C-alpha atoms as a PDB file:
ATOM      1  CA  MET A   1     148.915 278.985  -9.636  1.00  0.00           C
ATOM      2  CA  GLU A   2     145.232 279.723  -9.617  1.00  0.00           C
ATOM      3  CA  TYR A   3     142.501 277.415  -8.347  1.00  0.00           C
ATOM      4  CA  SER A   4     138.739 277.592  -8.509  1.00  0.00           C
ATOM      5  CA  VAL A   5     137.193 278.024  -5.075  1.00  0.00           C
ATOM      6  CA  ILE A   6     133.662 277.294  -3.913  1.00  0.00           C
ATOM      7  CA  VAL A   7     132.552 279.852  -1.358  1.00  0.00           C
ATOM      8  CA  GLU A   8     129.459 279.388   0.765  1.00  0.00           C
ATOM      9  CA  ARG A   9     127.879 280.857   3.852  1.00  0.00           C
ATOM     10  CA  LYS A  10     126.225 278.386   6.167  1.00  0.00           C
ATOM     11  CA  ASP A  11     124.999 278.962   9.711  1.00  0.00           C
ATOM     12  CA  GLY A  12     126.740 282.347   9.764  1.00  0.00           C
ATOM     13  CA  ILE A  13     130.154 280.893   8.880  1.00  0.00           C
ATOM     14  CA  TRP A  14     131.877 281.417   5.534  1.00  0.00           C
ATOM     15  CA  ARG A  15     133.627 278.394   3.994  1.00  0.00           C
ATOM     16  CA  ALA A  16     135.944 278.343   0.989  1.00  0.00           C
ATOM     17  CA  PHE A  17     136.626 274.925  -0.599  1.00  0.00           C
ATOM     18  CA  ILE A  18     139.293 274.179  -3.205  1.00  0.00           C
ATOM     19  CA  PRO A  19     137.866 271.168  -5.085  1.00  0.00           C
ATOM     20  CA  VAL A  20     141.062 270.188  -6.942  1.00  0.00           C
ATOM     21  CA  LEU A  21     143.015 270.107  -3.687  1.00  0.00           C
ATOM     22  CA  SER A  22     140.995 267.425  -1.969  1.00  0.00           C
ATOM     23  CA  GLY A  23     140.038 268.279   1.568  1.00  0.00           C
ATOM     24  CA  LEU A  24     141.475 271.792   1.565  1.00  0.00           C
ATOM     25  CA  ALA A  25     139.221 274.544   2.818  1.00  0.00           C
ATOM     26  CA  GLY A  26     139.194 277.643   4.926  1.00  0.00           C
ATOM     27  CA  GLU A  27     136.586 279.108   7.252  1.00  0.00           C
ATOM     28  CA  GLY A  28     136.022 282.600   8.553  1.00  0.00           C
ATOM     29  CA  ARG A  29     133.561 285.159   9.843  1.00  0.00           C
ATOM     30  CA  SER A  30     133.736 286.899   6.472  1.00  0.00           C
ATOM     31  CA  ARG A  31     134.113 285.820   2.877  1.00  0.00           C
ATOM     32  CA  GLU A  32     137.560 287.418   2.703  1.00  0.00           C
ATOM     33  CA  GLU A  33     138.716 285.660   5.870  1.00  0.00           C
ATOM     34  CA  ALA A  34     137.548 282.283   4.546  1.00  0.00           C
ATOM     35  CA  LEU A  35     139.407 282.895   1.260  1.00  0.00           C
ATOM     36  CA  ARG A  36     142.553 283.975   3.134  1.00  0.00           C
ATOM     37  CA  ASN A  37     142.414 280.829   5.271  1.00  0.00           C
ATOM     38  CA  ALA A  38     141.846 278.614   2.208  1.00  0.00           C
ATOM     39  CA  ARG A  39     144.821 280.279   0.479  1.00  0.00           C
ATOM     40  CA  ARG A  40     146.985 279.734   3.554  1.00  0.00           C
ATOM     41  CA  ALA A  41     145.929 276.052   3.768  1.00  0.00           C
ATOM     42  CA  ALA A  42     146.718 275.536   0.072  1.00  0.00           C
ATOM     43  CA  GLU A  43     150.113 277.260   0.357  1.00  0.00           C
ATOM     44  CA  ASN A  44     151.060 275.189   3.430  1.00  0.00           C
ATOM     45  CA  TYR A  45     149.994 271.974   1.732  1.00  0.00           C
ATOM     46  CA  LEU A  46     151.724 272.713  -1.569  1.00  0.00           C
ATOM     47  CA  ALA A  47     154.926 273.704   0.246  1.00  0.00           C
ATOM     48  CA  SER A  48     155.079 270.229   1.810  1.00  0.00           C
ATOM     49  CA  VAL A  49     154.550 268.134  -1.323  1.00  0.00           C
ATOM     50  CA  GLU A  50     156.142 267.729  -4.745  1.00  0.00           C
ATOM     51  CA  LEU A  51     154.126 269.020  -7.665  1.00  0.00           C
ATOM     52  CA  THR A  52     154.861 267.252 -10.955  1.00  0.00           C
ATOM     53  CA  THR A  53     153.147 265.935 -14.071  1.00  0.00           C
ATOM     54  CA  ILE A  54     152.957 262.554 -15.764  1.00  0.00           C
ATOM     55  CA  SER A  55     152.190 261.427 -19.303  1.00  0.00           C
ATOM     56  CA  VAL A  56     149.658 258.684 -19.775  1.00  0.00           C
ATOM     57  CA  HIS A  57     149.570 256.577 -22.935  1.00  0.00           C
ATOM     58  CA  VAL A  58     146.037 255.743 -24.017  1.00  0.00           C
ATOM     59  CA  PRO A  59     145.797 253.104 -26.746  1.00  0.00           C
ATOM     60  CA  ARG A  60     144.200 254.585 -29.841  1.00  0.00           C
ATOM     61  CA  GLU A  61     141.238 252.220 -29.893  1.00  0.00           C
ATOM     62  CA  HIS A  62     140.338 253.258 -26.340  1.00  0.00           C
ATOM     63  CA  SER A  63     140.786 256.958 -26.935  1.00  0.00           C
ATOM     64  CA  ARG A  64     137.624 257.239 -29.012  1.00  0.00           C
ATOM     65  CA  ARG A  65     134.246 257.702 -27.449  1.00  0.00           C
ATOM     66  CA  PRO A  66     132.398 254.375 -27.931  1.00  0.00           C
ATOM     67  CA  GLY A  67     129.412 256.001 -29.633  1.00  0.00           C
ATOM     68  CA  SER A  68     131.381 258.376 -31.824  1.00  0.00           C
ATOM     69  CA  PRO A  69     130.737 258.399 -35.579  1.00  0.00           C
ATOM     70  CA  LEU A  70     134.322 257.300 -36.226  1.00  0.00           C
ATOM     71  CA  ALA A  71     133.982 254.352 -33.838  1.00  0.00           C
ATOM     72  CA  LEU A  72     130.747 253.341 -35.568  1.00  0.00           C
ATOM     73  CA  LEU A  73     132.320 253.496 -39.032  1.00  0.00           C
ATOM     74  CA  ASN A  74     135.317 251.481 -37.880  1.00  0.00           C
ATOM     75  CA  SER A  75     133.090 248.827 -36.319  1.00  0.00           C
ATOM     76  CA  LEU A  76     131.090 248.495 -39.549  1.00  0.00           C
ATOM     77  CA  GLU A  77     134.214 247.238 -41.298  1.00  0.00           C
ATOM     78  CA  MET A  78     133.769 243.982 -39.348  1.00  0.00           C
ATOM     79  CA  PHE A  79     130.572 243.296 -41.311  1.00  0.00           C
ATOM     80  CA  ALA A  80     131.964 243.718 -44.818  1.00  0.00           C
ATOM     81  CA  GLY A  81     130.397 241.063 -47.026  1.00  0.00           C
ATOM     82  CA  ASP A  82     127.438 240.529 -44.650  1.00  0.00           C
ATOM     83  CA  GLU A  83     125.309 243.323 -46.070  1.00  0.00           C
ATOM     84  CA  GLU A  84     122.387 241.086 -47.095  1.00  0.00           C
ATOM     85  CA  ALA A  85     122.226 239.360 -43.697  1.00  0.00           C
ATOM     86  CA  LEU A  86     122.351 242.733 -41.966  1.00  0.00           C
ATOM     87  CA  ARG A  87     119.603 244.105 -44.188  1.00  0.00           C
ATOM     88  CA  GLU A  88     117.399 241.109 -43.302  1.00  0.00           C
ATOM     89  CA  HIS A  89     118.182 241.558 -39.610  1.00  0.00           C
ATOM     90  CA  PHE A  90     117.265 245.245 -39.667  1.00  0.00           C
ATOM     91  CA  ASP A  91     114.073 244.446 -41.602  1.00  0.00           C
ATOM     92  CA  GLU A  92     113.126 241.973 -38.845  1.00  0.00           C
ATOM     93  CA  ILE A  93     113.781 244.621 -36.191  1.00  0.00           C
ATOM     94  CA  ALA A  94     111.672 247.164 -38.086  1.00  0.00           C
ATOM     95  CA  ALA A  95     108.818 244.647 -38.454  1.00  0.00           C
ATOM     96  CA  GLU A  96     108.934 243.815 -34.735  1.00  0.00           C
ATOM     97  CA  ARG A  97     108.843 247.501 -33.790  1.00  0.00           C
ATOM     98  CA  GLU A  98     105.872 248.059 -36.097  1.00  0.00           C
ATOM     99  CA  ARG A  99     104.089 245.073 -34.541  1.00  0.00           C
ATOM    100  CA  GLU A 100     104.713 246.528 -31.042  1.00  0.00           C
ATOM    101  CA  ARG A 101     103.425 249.943 -32.153  1.00  0.00           C
ATOM    102  CA  GLU A 102     100.282 248.370 -33.594  1.00  0.00           C
ATOM    103  CA  GLU A 103      99.704 246.463 -30.339  1.00  0.00           C
ATOM    104  CA  ALA A 104     100.093 249.704 -28.374  1.00  0.00           C
ATOM    105  CA  ARG A 105      97.633 251.502 -30.676  1.00  0.00           C
ATOM    106  CA  GLN A 106      95.089 248.708 -30.194  1.00  0.00           C
ATOM    107  CA  GLN A 107      95.510 248.823 -26.391  1.00  0.00           C
ATOM    108  CA  ASP A 108      95.067 252.605 -26.428  1.00  0.00           C
ATOM    109  CA  ALA A 109      91.886 252.227 -28.494  1.00  0.00           C
ATOM    110  CA  GLU A 110      90.337 249.766 -26.007  1.00  0.00           C
END
């Protein structure tokens, strides 16, 4: 198995962290020594635990990103037959935004 490792040098000591193996790291006087020690720590840890996988069922309606185009289209189905009311609502929103813009322009002019 291969893991990404973050290697840094701080205060003259090299450290190698394995982010996916929480808390596992190695230190050394050289980069290579830190990597060797991180590898050894990972091997010792993985030898003492069981490595397996699980399947997780995600309900379809939760698997879509809330702001995705498909989610938006599906949510619009709830408003079938309300097109005129929606049009009026959006016209009111547009008028309010225009009123706010006009107020801002007048304040900027003062």
